[in-house]
Amino acid sequence: MANKLGIRKVFKTICPQVFLWSATIGLIYAIMASLQPYALDDIAFRKFFADFRADPSLYLFFEDTFAGIAHQFQFDSLRLSNAAASLFMLFPEAIPAVALGIALSLTLICGWKLSGRKTIAFGIFTAAYLLLEPWREYMLTKAFGFNYVVSSAIAMAVCVAVLKNNTRPVIAAACGFIAGMWHEGFSVATAGGIAALLLLFPPYRNSSTASWLSGLIAGIIVLALPPGTSYRGEGMFMPQKLIQLQYGMLTGSPFYLLAVLSALVLLCRNLRHNFLTPQLALILGCAAAGWVVWRCFMTDYRTAWPMILFSSCGLGYIIGKTDLLSRRIGEIIGTSLLSITVLQLLLCIPYAIRLHNEYQLAFKSTEDGSSGHFLHRSTAATTPCHTLNRVNYDIYLLGGYPAWQCVPADLAEYSPQQATPLLSPNDARLFRGHIVVPAHYGAGSAWICSITTGRTFETVCLLTEFTNQHGTFCYAAPLNLYHLAGGKTITGFTLIRQDI
């Protein structure tokens, strides 16, 4: 009974409009995630329960579970996020998609509480979080969603609980440990914020706050100890990047803007008393610790996620607290930002449906095991700009999609004489936006390649063999083309070496 009353009390503290906005955004995300087939890391995590799926039994469930834990311990990470993803992916795509949608909604609700409970603050936080984070990094795959979307919800919920300053030490330590074990990047960021609270505000120097921090640190230590952590992270830790500020200025801009605004309001004597609050200290501490993590692991854009999460929350908090605008204008601006965010997400759904239908058609077309099917299918070059690549076409090539058996229907009319030659030692040509090379590079293979579109960059390229009336050729599908090319015309292409 007490638990029910506690849950009811929590929901009563949520503004109905905030709940509606958060639920809407979470629902749209869940729809897009359910349309996305299992791909990339999803396939790897699903393999842990391959025997159980083939012959469901309690014995095989525990056998696959312990085998998966042993593999993670030796070669990957003991993150609870990975374990949760593996379990949820025993079900159809819609089940983990709904879980991720709920997690996104909870992140936004906690962000509203943490950023000051004003419409303009909530609008700024939501828009920044949904637009600035690296959602294009395959975030509709379930494995990445549990690592970043669910981790965001947990980190924000921990911050809200810590600010309440009334959690029992045993519960705080246990919950902190679970949060610490979920994802080390978010755990370090959250621990940084709690440490700032302990240092700056005496009322938080108690067993509750200390238990939260101790639990998080214990979880981080456990994640750091397995050999898989060193194996997976070899070469990624680069502390020298911490002070090389000329790199990553655009990615770090939310944090740098937050730092400048915070300095301005804290240095102003008339504003300091109003802004130097436990909330701002916690947010700044989390954002700063997230920035350190990102700087030291700049090999991956996704490591910036906690920094951007808390920086977005901080920007909403400071702007909402300045009271430079009337309440009415603030509500209009906040509602407008929320509306734009929802509209952009809604406009992504038709593209997600289109890719889903293409995937289903391709899967049925290749059931006979043959290759070279000509299908009307999307490519990175035809990705609608308004999606911001949120529904990333590349994840349909990586694993689940029969990438090496289907080619765009345009290539049925391919002719070397009608194609545009590229600067290439491989005799590559461009035909209606598609890269084609001679067939002798091998069907169904992946290569490291370089592409020139005003600048030259390296990526992975998938080759698919096809035959038409003019001969046999290979269609080359580069990954990350949408982001790297930026809509510019391809002028050069080189196959460097076969990717193993």
Protein backbone atom coordinates (compact mmCIF):
# COMPACT_ATOMS: atom_id res chain seq x y z
CA MET A 1 0.00 0.00 0.00
CA ALA A 2 2.79 2.41 0.90
CA ASN A 3 4.55 1.63 -2.37
CA LYS A 4 1.40 2.40 -4.36
CA LEU A 5 0.99 5.71 -2.53
CA GLY A 6 4.65 6.53 -3.23
CA ILE A 7 4.27 5.88 -6.95
CA ARG A 8 1.02 7.88 -7.04
CA LYS A 9 2.76 10.78 -5.27
CA VAL A 10 5.59 10.73 -7.83
CA PHE A 11 3.16 10.94 -10.75
CA LYS A 12 1.21 13.73 -9.06
CA THR A 13 4.35 15.87 -9.04
CA ILE A 14 4.64 15.62 -12.83
CA CYS A 15 3.06 18.44 -14.81
CA PRO A 16 0.40 16.97 -17.20
CA GLN A 17 1.83 18.89 -20.18
CA VAL A 18 5.32 17.57 -19.44
CA PHE A 19 4.01 14.03 -19.20
CA LEU A 20 2.17 14.45 -22.52
CA TRP A 21 5.20 15.84 -24.35
CA SER A 22 7.50 13.18 -22.91
CA ALA A 23 5.09 10.34 -23.65
CA THR A 24 4.61 11.58 -27.23
CA ILE A 25 8.35 11.74 -27.91
CA GLY A 26 8.88 8.34 -26.27
CA LEU A 27 6.08 6.84 -28.39
CA ILE A 28 7.52 8.17 -31.65
CA TYR A 29 10.95 6.83 -30.76
CA ALA A 30 9.45 3.43 -29.84
CA ILE A 31 7.67 3.29 -33.22
CA MET A 32 10.89 3.99 -35.11
CA ALA A 33 12.87 1.53 -32.98
CA SER A 34 10.25 -1.20 -33.54
CA LEU A 35 10.48 -0.67 -37.31
CA GLN A 36 14.27 -1.12 -37.14
CA PRO A 37 15.25 -4.80 -37.49
CA TYR A 38 17.86 -6.38 -35.26
CA ALA A 39 21.21 -5.39 -36.75
CA LEU A 40 24.84 -4.64 -35.96
CA ASP A 41 25.54 -5.22 -32.21
CA ASP A 42 22.01 -6.56 -31.77
CA ILE A 43 22.98 -9.66 -33.72
CA ALA A 44 26.07 -10.21 -31.58
CA PHE A 45 24.07 -9.97 -28.34
CA ARG A 46 21.34 -12.24 -29.67
CA LYS A 47 23.92 -14.93 -30.34
CA PHE A 48 24.41 -15.36 -26.60
CA PHE A 49 20.96 -16.99 -26.44
CA ALA A 50 21.09 -18.85 -29.77
CA ASP A 51 20.75 -22.30 -28.16
CA PHE A 52 17.88 -21.17 -25.94
CA ARG A 53 15.97 -19.67 -28.89
CA ALA A 54 16.44 -22.89 -30.87
CA ASP A 55 15.23 -25.08 -27.97
CA PRO A 56 13.66 -23.04 -25.14
CA SER A 57 14.28 -24.63 -21.76
CA LEU A 58 15.28 -23.42 -18.31
CA TYR A 59 18.55 -25.36 -18.51
CA LEU A 60 19.60 -23.78 -21.83
CA PHE A 61 18.55 -20.35 -20.60
CA PHE A 62 20.96 -20.48 -17.66
CA GLU A 63 23.65 -22.19 -19.75
CA ASP A 64 23.50 -19.43 -22.38
CA THR A 65 23.36 -16.78 -19.64
CA PHE A 66 26.54 -17.95 -17.93
CA ALA A 67 28.29 -18.47 -21.28
CA GLY A 68 27.40 -14.91 -22.24
CA ILE A 69 28.66 -13.52 -18.92
CA ALA A 70 31.93 -15.44 -19.33
CA HIS A 71 32.41 -14.06 -22.84
CA GLN A 72 31.64 -10.51 -21.72
CA PHE A 73 34.03 -10.86 -18.78
CA GLN A 74 36.86 -11.99 -21.04
CA PHE A 75 36.36 -9.95 -24.20
CA ASP A 76 33.92 -7.07 -23.68
CA SER A 77 32.32 -5.52 -20.59
CA LEU A 78 30.14 -6.52 -17.66
CA ARG A 79 27.79 -3.57 -18.17
CA LEU A 80 24.28 -4.31 -16.99
CA SER A 81 23.06 -2.48 -20.08
CA ASN A 82 24.46 -5.25 -22.28
CA ALA A 83 22.85 -7.95 -20.15
CA ALA A 84 19.48 -6.16 -20.29
CA ALA A 85 19.74 -5.77 -24.06
CA SER A 86 20.47 -9.49 -24.49
CA LEU A 87 17.46 -10.44 -22.38
CA PHE A 88 15.06 -8.02 -24.04
CA MET A 89 16.16 -9.15 -27.50
CA LEU A 90 14.78 -12.61 -26.80
CA PHE A 91 11.49 -10.99 -27.77
CA PRO A 92 10.26 -9.42 -31.04
CA GLU A 93 11.68 -5.99 -31.91
CA ALA A 94 8.62 -4.17 -30.52
CA ILE A 95 9.28 -5.24 -26.90
CA PRO A 96 12.75 -3.66 -26.43
CA ALA A 97 11.56 -0.72 -28.56
CA VAL A 98 8.77 0.01 -26.06
CA ALA A 99 11.25 -0.26 -23.17
CA LEU A 100 13.51 2.28 -24.90
CA GLY A 101 10.57 4.61 -25.54
CA ILE A 102 9.66 4.51 -21.85
CA ALA A 103 13.29 5.20 -20.91
CA LEU A 104 13.37 8.24 -23.20
CA SER A 105 10.15 9.57 -21.64
CA LEU A 106 11.59 9.14 -18.14
CA THR A 107 14.77 10.95 -19.18
CA LEU A 108 12.74 13.95 -20.32
CA ILE A 109 10.59 13.98 -17.17
CA CYS A 110 13.67 13.85 -14.93
CA GLY A 111 15.26 16.54 -17.09
CA TRP A 112 12.23 18.75 -16.49
CA LYS A 113 12.61 18.32 -12.73
CA LEU A 114 16.36 18.85 -12.79
CA SER A 115 16.30 21.88 -15.12
CA GLY A 116 13.88 23.88 -12.99
CA ARG A 117 10.35 22.80 -13.97
CA LYS A 118 9.78 25.74 -16.33
CA THR A 119 8.41 25.36 -19.86
CA ILE A 120 11.29 27.23 -21.48
CA ALA A 121 13.87 25.19 -19.53
CA PHE A 122 12.11 21.95 -20.47
CA GLY A 123 11.89 23.01 -24.13
CA ILE A 124 15.57 23.91 -24.29
CA PHE A 125 16.63 20.66 -22.59
CA THR A 126 14.40 18.46 -24.75
CA ALA A 127 15.32 20.12 -28.05
CA ALA A 128 19.04 20.11 -27.27
CA TYR A 129 19.03 16.51 -26.07
CA LEU A 130 17.07 15.26 -29.09
CA LEU A 131 19.02 17.29 -31.66
CA LEU A 132 22.60 17.45 -30.37
CA GLU A 133 23.18 13.89 -29.17
CA PRO A 134 24.68 11.42 -31.70
CA TRP A 135 21.38 9.70 -32.46
CA ARG A 136 22.68 9.09 -35.99
CA GLU A 137 25.17 6.62 -34.49
CA TYR A 138 22.83 3.63 -34.98
CA MET A 139 20.78 4.61 -31.92
CA LEU A 140 17.72 2.74 -33.16
CA THR A 141 19.59 -0.53 -32.71
CA LYS A 142 18.48 -2.01 -29.42
CA ALA A 143 22.00 -2.67 -28.07
CA PHE A 144 23.04 0.97 -28.38
CA GLY A 145 19.67 2.13 -27.07
CA PHE A 146 20.11 0.21 -23.82
CA ASN A 147 23.65 1.61 -23.50
CA TYR A 148 22.72 5.26 -24.05
CA VAL A 149 18.97 5.91 -23.90
CA VAL A 150 18.33 3.80 -20.80
CA SER A 151 21.60 5.00 -19.23
CA SER A 152 20.42 8.60 -19.65
CA ALA A 153 17.20 7.81 -17.79
CA ILE A 154 19.08 6.11 -14.95
CA ALA A 155 21.65 8.93 -14.61
CA MET A 156 18.97 11.63 -14.55
CA ALA A 157 16.82 9.66 -12.08
CA VAL A 158 19.80 9.25 -9.76
CA CYS A 159 20.42 13.02 -9.86
CA VAL A 160 16.78 13.76 -9.01
CA ALA A 161 16.91 11.29 -6.11
CA VAL A 162 20.20 12.71 -4.80
CA LEU A 163 18.79 16.26 -4.78
CA LYS A 164 15.85 15.11 -2.64
CA ASN A 165 18.47 14.15 -0.02
CA ASN A 166 16.22 11.68 1.80
CA THR A 167 17.14 8.24 0.43
CA ARG A 168 18.01 5.61 3.00
CA PRO A 169 21.75 4.85 2.89
CA VAL A 170 21.30 1.13 2.19
CA ILE A 171 18.89 1.81 -0.68
CA ALA A 172 21.13 4.61 -2.01
CA ALA A 173 24.20 2.36 -1.98
CA ALA A 174 22.35 -0.50 -3.72
CA CYS A 175 20.76 1.72 -6.36
CA GLY A 176 24.05 3.58 -6.84
CA PHE A 177 25.85 0.29 -7.43
CA ILE A 178 23.30 -0.82 -10.03
CA ALA A 179 23.53 2.59 -11.75
CA GLY A 180 27.32 2.37 -11.61
CA MET A 181 27.27 -1.05 -13.24
CA TRP A 182 24.93 0.04 -16.03
CA HIS A 183 27.39 2.15 -18.04
CA GLU A 184 30.71 3.52 -16.82
CA GLY A 185 30.58 6.74 -18.85
CA PHE A 186 27.32 7.87 -17.27
CA SER A 187 28.44 6.59 -13.86
CA VAL A 188 31.58 8.72 -13.90
CA ALA A 189 29.58 11.77 -14.97
CA THR A 190 26.98 11.27 -12.22
CA ALA A 191 29.67 10.64 -9.61
CA GLY A 192 31.32 13.93 -10.60
CA GLY A 193 28.10 15.81 -9.93
CA ILE A 194 27.53 14.17 -6.55
CA ALA A 195 31.13 14.92 -5.56
CA ALA A 196 30.51 18.59 -6.37
CA LEU A 197 27.46 18.57 -4.08
CA LEU A 198 29.48 17.09 -1.23
CA LEU A 199 32.20 19.69 -1.61
CA LEU A 200 30.03 22.79 -1.97
CA PHE A 201 26.91 22.22 0.11
CA PRO A 202 27.15 21.05 3.75
CA PRO A 203 23.50 19.86 3.92
CA TYR A 204 24.46 17.10 1.46
CA ARG A 205 27.40 15.89 3.54
CA ASN A 206 25.46 13.01 4.98
CA SER A 207 25.23 9.23 4.77
CA SER A 208 22.62 9.34 1.99
CA THR A 209 24.75 11.33 -0.47
CA ALA A 210 27.88 9.44 0.51
CA SER A 211 26.08 6.14 -0.10
CA TRP A 212 25.01 7.21 -3.58
CA LEU A 213 28.59 8.16 -4.42
CA SER A 214 30.07 5.02 -2.86
CA GLY A 215 27.65 2.80 -4.77
CA LEU A 216 28.50 4.47 -8.08
CA ILE A 217 32.25 4.22 -7.46
CA ALA A 218 31.93 0.54 -6.49
CA GLY A 219 30.06 -0.14 -9.75
CA ILE A 220 32.70 1.68 -11.80
CA ILE A 221 35.48 -0.32 -10.13
CA VAL A 222 33.73 -3.63 -10.85
CA LEU A 223 33.35 -2.65 -14.52
CA ALA A 224 37.02 -1.66 -14.73
CA LEU A 225 38.44 -4.92 -13.34
CA PRO A 226 37.50 -7.63 -15.90
CA PRO A 227 40.09 -8.42 -18.63
CA GLY A 228 37.45 -7.69 -21.24
CA THR A 229 37.55 -3.99 -20.34
CA SER A 230 41.26 -3.76 -21.20
CA TYR A 231 40.81 -5.97 -24.26
CA ARG A 232 37.94 -3.90 -25.66
CA GLY A 233 39.35 -0.51 -24.71
CA GLU A 234 42.93 -1.07 -25.84
CA GLY A 235 44.23 2.06 -27.54
CA MET A 236 41.09 4.10 -26.81
CA PHE A 237 42.28 5.88 -23.66
CA MET A 238 44.12 9.03 -24.75
CA PRO A 239 44.49 11.41 -21.78
CA GLN A 240 46.68 13.73 -23.86
CA LYS A 241 43.53 14.81 -25.72
CA LEU A 242 42.23 16.37 -22.49
CA ILE A 243 44.14 19.60 -23.13
CA GLN A 244 44.18 19.51 -26.94
CA LEU A 245 41.16 21.79 -27.12
CA GLN A 246 41.56 22.49 -30.83
CA TYR A 247 39.89 19.13 -31.46
CA GLY A 248 36.15 18.54 -31.11
CA MET A 249 35.09 22.13 -30.55
CA LEU A 250 31.73 21.61 -32.27
CA THR A 251 30.93 18.45 -30.34
CA GLY A 252 31.93 20.08 -27.06
CA SER A 253 30.12 23.36 -27.77
CA PRO A 254 27.11 22.60 -25.47
CA PHE A 255 29.47 22.17 -22.52
CA TYR A 256 31.59 25.18 -23.40
CA LEU A 257 28.46 27.34 -23.72
CA LEU A 258 27.24 26.06 -20.36
CA ALA A 259 30.62 26.82 -18.79
CA VAL A 260 30.62 30.39 -20.13
CA LEU A 261 27.03 31.10 -19.01
CA SER A 262 27.72 29.61 -15.58
CA ALA A 263 30.82 31.72 -15.16
CA LEU A 264 28.92 34.87 -16.11
CA VAL A 265 26.08 34.36 -13.64
CA LEU A 266 28.36 33.19 -10.81
CA LEU A 267 30.83 36.05 -11.24
CA CYS A 268 28.03 38.61 -11.11
CA ARG A 269 27.52 39.45 -7.44
CA ASN A 270 23.83 40.25 -7.90
CA LEU A 271 23.12 36.90 -9.54
CA ARG A 272 25.44 34.59 -7.62
CA HIS A 273 23.13 34.00 -4.67
CA ASN A 274 20.25 33.07 -6.96
CA PHE A 275 22.27 30.71 -9.20
CA LEU A 276 24.68 29.03 -6.78
CA THR A 277 22.28 26.20 -5.97
CA PRO A 278 22.66 22.46 -5.39
CA GLN A 279 20.95 21.87 -8.76
CA LEU A 280 23.48 23.90 -10.71
CA ALA A 281 26.40 22.39 -8.80
CA LEU A 282 25.15 18.88 -9.53
CA ILE A 283 24.51 19.60 -13.21
CA LEU A 284 27.86 21.34 -13.71
CA GLY A 285 29.71 18.56 -11.90
CA CYS A 286 28.04 15.91 -14.06
CA ALA A 287 28.69 17.86 -17.28
CA ALA A 288 32.34 18.52 -16.37
CA ALA A 289 33.00 14.87 -15.50
CA GLY A 290 31.27 13.86 -18.75
CA TRP A 291 33.50 16.30 -20.61
CA VAL A 292 36.63 14.70 -19.11
CA VAL A 293 35.42 11.24 -20.14
CA TRP A 294 34.73 12.46 -23.67
CA ARG A 295 38.07 14.23 -23.99
CA CYS A 296 40.01 11.14 -22.91
CA PHE A 297 38.03 8.82 -25.19
CA MET A 298 37.58 10.97 -28.30
CA THR A 299 37.91 7.90 -30.53
CA ASP A 300 34.12 7.60 -30.39
CA TYR A 301 31.49 10.31 -30.80
CA ARG A 302 29.12 8.38 -28.52
CA THR A 303 31.35 9.03 -25.50
CA ALA A 304 30.14 12.65 -25.67
CA TRP A 305 26.60 11.52 -24.77
CA PRO A 306 26.69 12.14 -20.97
CA MET A 307 28.40 15.50 -21.48
CA ILE A 308 25.74 16.66 -23.94
CA LEU A 309 22.94 15.26 -21.77
CA PHE A 310 23.89 17.25 -18.67
CA SER A 311 25.02 20.31 -20.64
CA SER A 312 21.59 20.46 -22.29
CA CYS A 313 19.98 20.24 -18.86
CA GLY A 314 22.27 22.99 -17.54
CA LEU A 315 21.51 25.33 -20.44
CA GLY A 316 17.79 24.91 -19.79
CA TYR A 317 18.30 25.54 -16.06
CA ILE A 318 20.33 28.74 -16.45
CA ILE A 319 18.18 30.29 -19.19
CA GLY A 320 15.00 29.37 -17.34
CA LYS A 321 16.30 30.91 -14.12
CA THR A 322 17.48 34.23 -15.57
CA ASP A 323 13.90 35.56 -15.77
CA LEU A 324 14.91 37.83 -18.66
CA LEU A 325 11.66 36.94 -20.41
CA SER A 326 8.11 37.12 -19.14
CA ARG A 327 6.51 33.86 -18.14
CA ARG A 328 4.19 34.00 -21.15
CA ILE A 329 7.01 34.50 -23.65
CA GLY A 330 9.04 31.78 -21.96
CA GLU A 331 6.14 29.36 -22.31
CA ILE A 332 5.74 30.26 -25.99
CA ILE A 333 9.44 29.70 -26.70
CA GLY A 334 9.50 26.44 -24.74
CA THR A 335 6.35 25.12 -26.41
CA SER A 336 7.71 26.10 -29.82
CA LEU A 337 10.94 24.18 -29.20
CA LEU A 338 8.97 21.14 -28.05
CA SER A 339 6.71 21.36 -31.10
CA ILE A 340 9.67 21.56 -33.49
CA THR A 341 11.28 18.56 -31.80
CA VAL A 342 8.12 16.46 -32.07
CA LEU A 343 7.54 17.56 -35.67
CA GLN A 344 11.06 16.55 -36.71
CA LEU A 345 10.58 13.14 -35.11
CA LEU A 346 7.20 12.67 -36.79
CA LEU A 347 8.71 13.50 -40.18
CA CYS A 348 11.19 10.63 -39.66
CA ILE A 349 8.46 7.99 -39.42
CA PRO A 350 7.63 7.76 -43.17
CA TYR A 351 11.31 7.12 -43.95
CA ALA A 352 11.51 4.52 -41.16
CA ILE A 353 8.44 2.78 -42.62
CA ARG A 354 9.95 2.89 -46.11
CA LEU A 355 13.19 1.29 -44.95
CA HIS A 356 11.25 -1.32 -42.97
CA ASN A 357 9.21 -2.28 -46.05
CA GLU A 358 12.35 -2.42 -48.21
CA TYR A 359 13.97 -4.69 -45.63
CA GLN A 360 10.99 -7.05 -45.65
CA LEU A 361 10.96 -7.17 -49.47
CA ALA A 362 14.71 -7.78 -49.66
CA PHE A 363 14.49 -10.55 -47.09
CA LYS A 364 11.77 -12.35 -49.05
CA SER A 365 13.59 -11.86 -52.38
CA THR A 366 16.74 -13.53 -51.13
CA GLU A 367 15.18 -16.59 -49.53
CA ASP A 368 16.46 -18.69 -52.45
CA GLY A 369 20.05 -17.74 -51.53
CA SER A 370 20.80 -16.13 -54.89
CA SER A 371 22.46 -12.73 -55.33
CA GLY A 372 22.18 -9.69 -57.55
CA HIS A 373 18.49 -8.94 -57.04
CA PHE A 374 17.45 -5.55 -58.42
CA LEU A 375 15.15 -3.86 -55.91
CA HIS A 376 13.83 -0.34 -55.50
CA ARG A 377 15.67 0.50 -52.30
CA SER A 378 16.98 3.53 -50.51
CA THR A 379 20.63 4.43 -50.24
CA ALA A 380 22.62 6.80 -48.06
CA ALA A 381 22.51 9.32 -50.92
CA THR A 382 18.69 9.31 -50.94
CA THR A 383 18.29 9.81 -47.18
CA PRO A 384 15.90 12.76 -46.63
CA CYS A 385 17.77 15.67 -45.08
CA HIS A 386 14.98 16.44 -42.61
CA THR A 387 15.62 13.12 -40.85
CA LEU A 388 19.09 14.36 -39.80
CA ASN A 389 20.08 10.72 -40.44
CA ARG A 390 18.26 9.81 -37.23
CA VAL A 391 16.90 6.76 -39.07
CA ASN A 392 20.34 5.67 -40.20
CA TYR A 393 20.33 3.71 -43.45
CA ASP A 394 23.68 2.11 -42.64
CA ILE A 395 22.19 -0.11 -39.95
CA TYR A 396 20.13 -1.81 -42.65
CA LEU A 397 23.38 -2.85 -44.32
CA LEU A 398 25.10 -4.11 -41.19
CA GLY A 399 23.95 -7.59 -40.39
CA GLY A 400 20.18 -7.91 -40.64
CA TYR A 401 19.71 -6.56 -44.16
CA PRO A 402 20.77 -8.96 -46.96
CA ALA A 403 23.22 -6.33 -48.15
CA TRP A 404 25.31 -8.60 -50.34
CA GLN A 405 22.36 -10.02 -52.25
CA CYS A 406 20.42 -6.92 -53.31
CA VAL A 407 21.35 -3.87 -55.37
CA PRO A 408 19.41 -0.71 -56.30
CA ALA A 409 17.03 -1.18 -59.23
CA ASP A 410 18.76 1.64 -61.16
CA LEU A 411 21.76 -0.63 -61.70
CA ALA A 412 19.74 -2.93 -63.96
CA GLU A 413 20.43 -0.28 -66.63
CA TYR A 414 24.06 0.26 -65.66
CA SER A 415 26.50 0.71 -68.52
CA PRO A 416 30.17 1.70 -68.08
CA GLN A 417 29.85 3.99 -71.11
CA GLN A 418 26.96 5.93 -69.57
CA ALA A 419 28.56 6.22 -66.11
CA THR A 420 30.85 9.00 -64.87
CA PRO A 421 34.48 7.87 -64.31
CA LEU A 422 35.85 8.66 -60.86
CA LEU A 423 39.43 9.38 -59.89
CA SER A 424 40.17 5.78 -59.01
CA PRO A 425 42.85 3.12 -59.49
CA ASN A 426 40.00 0.59 -59.42
CA ASP A 427 38.16 1.91 -62.49
CA ALA A 428 35.27 3.00 -60.27
CA ARG A 429 32.35 4.83 -61.88
CA LEU A 430 29.36 6.80 -60.65
CA PHE A 431 25.94 5.92 -62.06
CA ARG A 432 22.84 7.74 -60.79
CA GLY A 433 24.55 8.31 -57.46
CA HIS A 434 25.77 4.70 -57.12
CA ILE A 435 29.43 3.61 -57.09
CA VAL A 436 30.25 0.64 -59.34
CA VAL A 437 33.56 -1.21 -59.75
CA PRO A 438 34.59 -4.18 -61.92
CA ALA A 439 33.43 -7.59 -60.70
CA HIS A 440 36.83 -9.11 -59.98
CA TYR A 441 36.97 -7.62 -56.46
CA GLY A 442 34.70 -10.37 -55.19
CA ALA A 443 31.03 -10.68 -54.39
CA GLY A 444 29.79 -10.33 -50.84
CA SER A 445 32.94 -8.75 -49.46
CA ALA A 446 33.77 -5.75 -47.29
CA TRP A 447 36.65 -3.38 -48.03
CA ILE A 448 38.33 -0.42 -46.43
CA CYS A 449 37.95 2.34 -49.00
CA SER A 450 38.54 6.05 -49.43
CA ILE A 451 36.05 8.48 -50.92
CA THR A 452 36.68 12.01 -52.15
CA THR A 453 33.87 14.59 -51.98
CA GLY A 454 35.85 17.81 -51.74
CA ARG A 455 37.84 16.08 -49.00
CA THR A 456 39.00 12.48 -48.70
CA PHE A 457 37.92 10.15 -45.91
CA GLU A 458 38.17 6.43 -45.20
CA THR A 459 35.25 4.14 -44.39
CA VAL A 460 34.04 0.56 -44.89
CA CYS A 461 32.48 -0.36 -48.22
CA LEU A 462 30.26 -3.38 -48.93
CA LEU A 463 30.50 -4.95 -52.42
CA THR A 464 27.59 -6.74 -54.07
CA GLU A 465 27.97 -8.49 -57.43
CA PHE A 466 25.27 -8.06 -60.08
CA THR A 467 24.81 -8.96 -63.73
CA ASN A 468 22.89 -7.15 -66.47
CA GLN A 469 22.99 -7.03 -70.27
CA HIS A 470 26.30 -5.15 -70.21
CA GLY A 471 28.19 -7.64 -68.05
CA THR A 472 28.98 -8.43 -64.40
CA PHE A 473 29.96 -5.67 -61.96
CA CYS A 474 30.13 -4.86 -58.22
CA TYR A 475 27.95 -2.30 -56.50
CA ALA A 476 29.89 -0.49 -53.73
CA ALA A 477 27.87 0.73 -50.73
CA PRO A 478 30.01 2.90 -48.38
CA LEU A 479 29.04 3.22 -44.75
CA ASN A 480 28.55 6.67 -43.16
CA LEU A 481 28.25 8.25 -46.60
CA TYR A 482 25.39 10.52 -45.58
CA HIS A 483 27.33 12.09 -42.73
CA LEU A 484 30.79 12.15 -44.29
CA ALA A 485 29.87 13.32 -47.79
CA GLY A 486 27.42 15.95 -46.59
CA GLY A 487 25.46 15.85 -49.86
CA LYS A 488 28.50 16.69 -52.01
CA THR A 489 29.21 14.94 -55.31
CA ILE A 490 31.60 12.00 -55.19
CA THR A 491 34.69 12.62 -57.35
CA GLY A 492 37.12 9.91 -56.22
CA PHE A 493 36.99 6.34 -54.91
CA THR A 494 39.68 3.82 -53.95
CA LEU A 495 39.46 0.28 -52.61
CA ILE A 496 42.36 0.11 -50.14
CA ARG A 497 42.26 -3.39 -48.66
CA GLN A 498 39.76 -6.10 -47.90
CA ASP A 499 38.25 -5.76 -44.43
CA ILE A 500 38.35 -8.95 -42.37
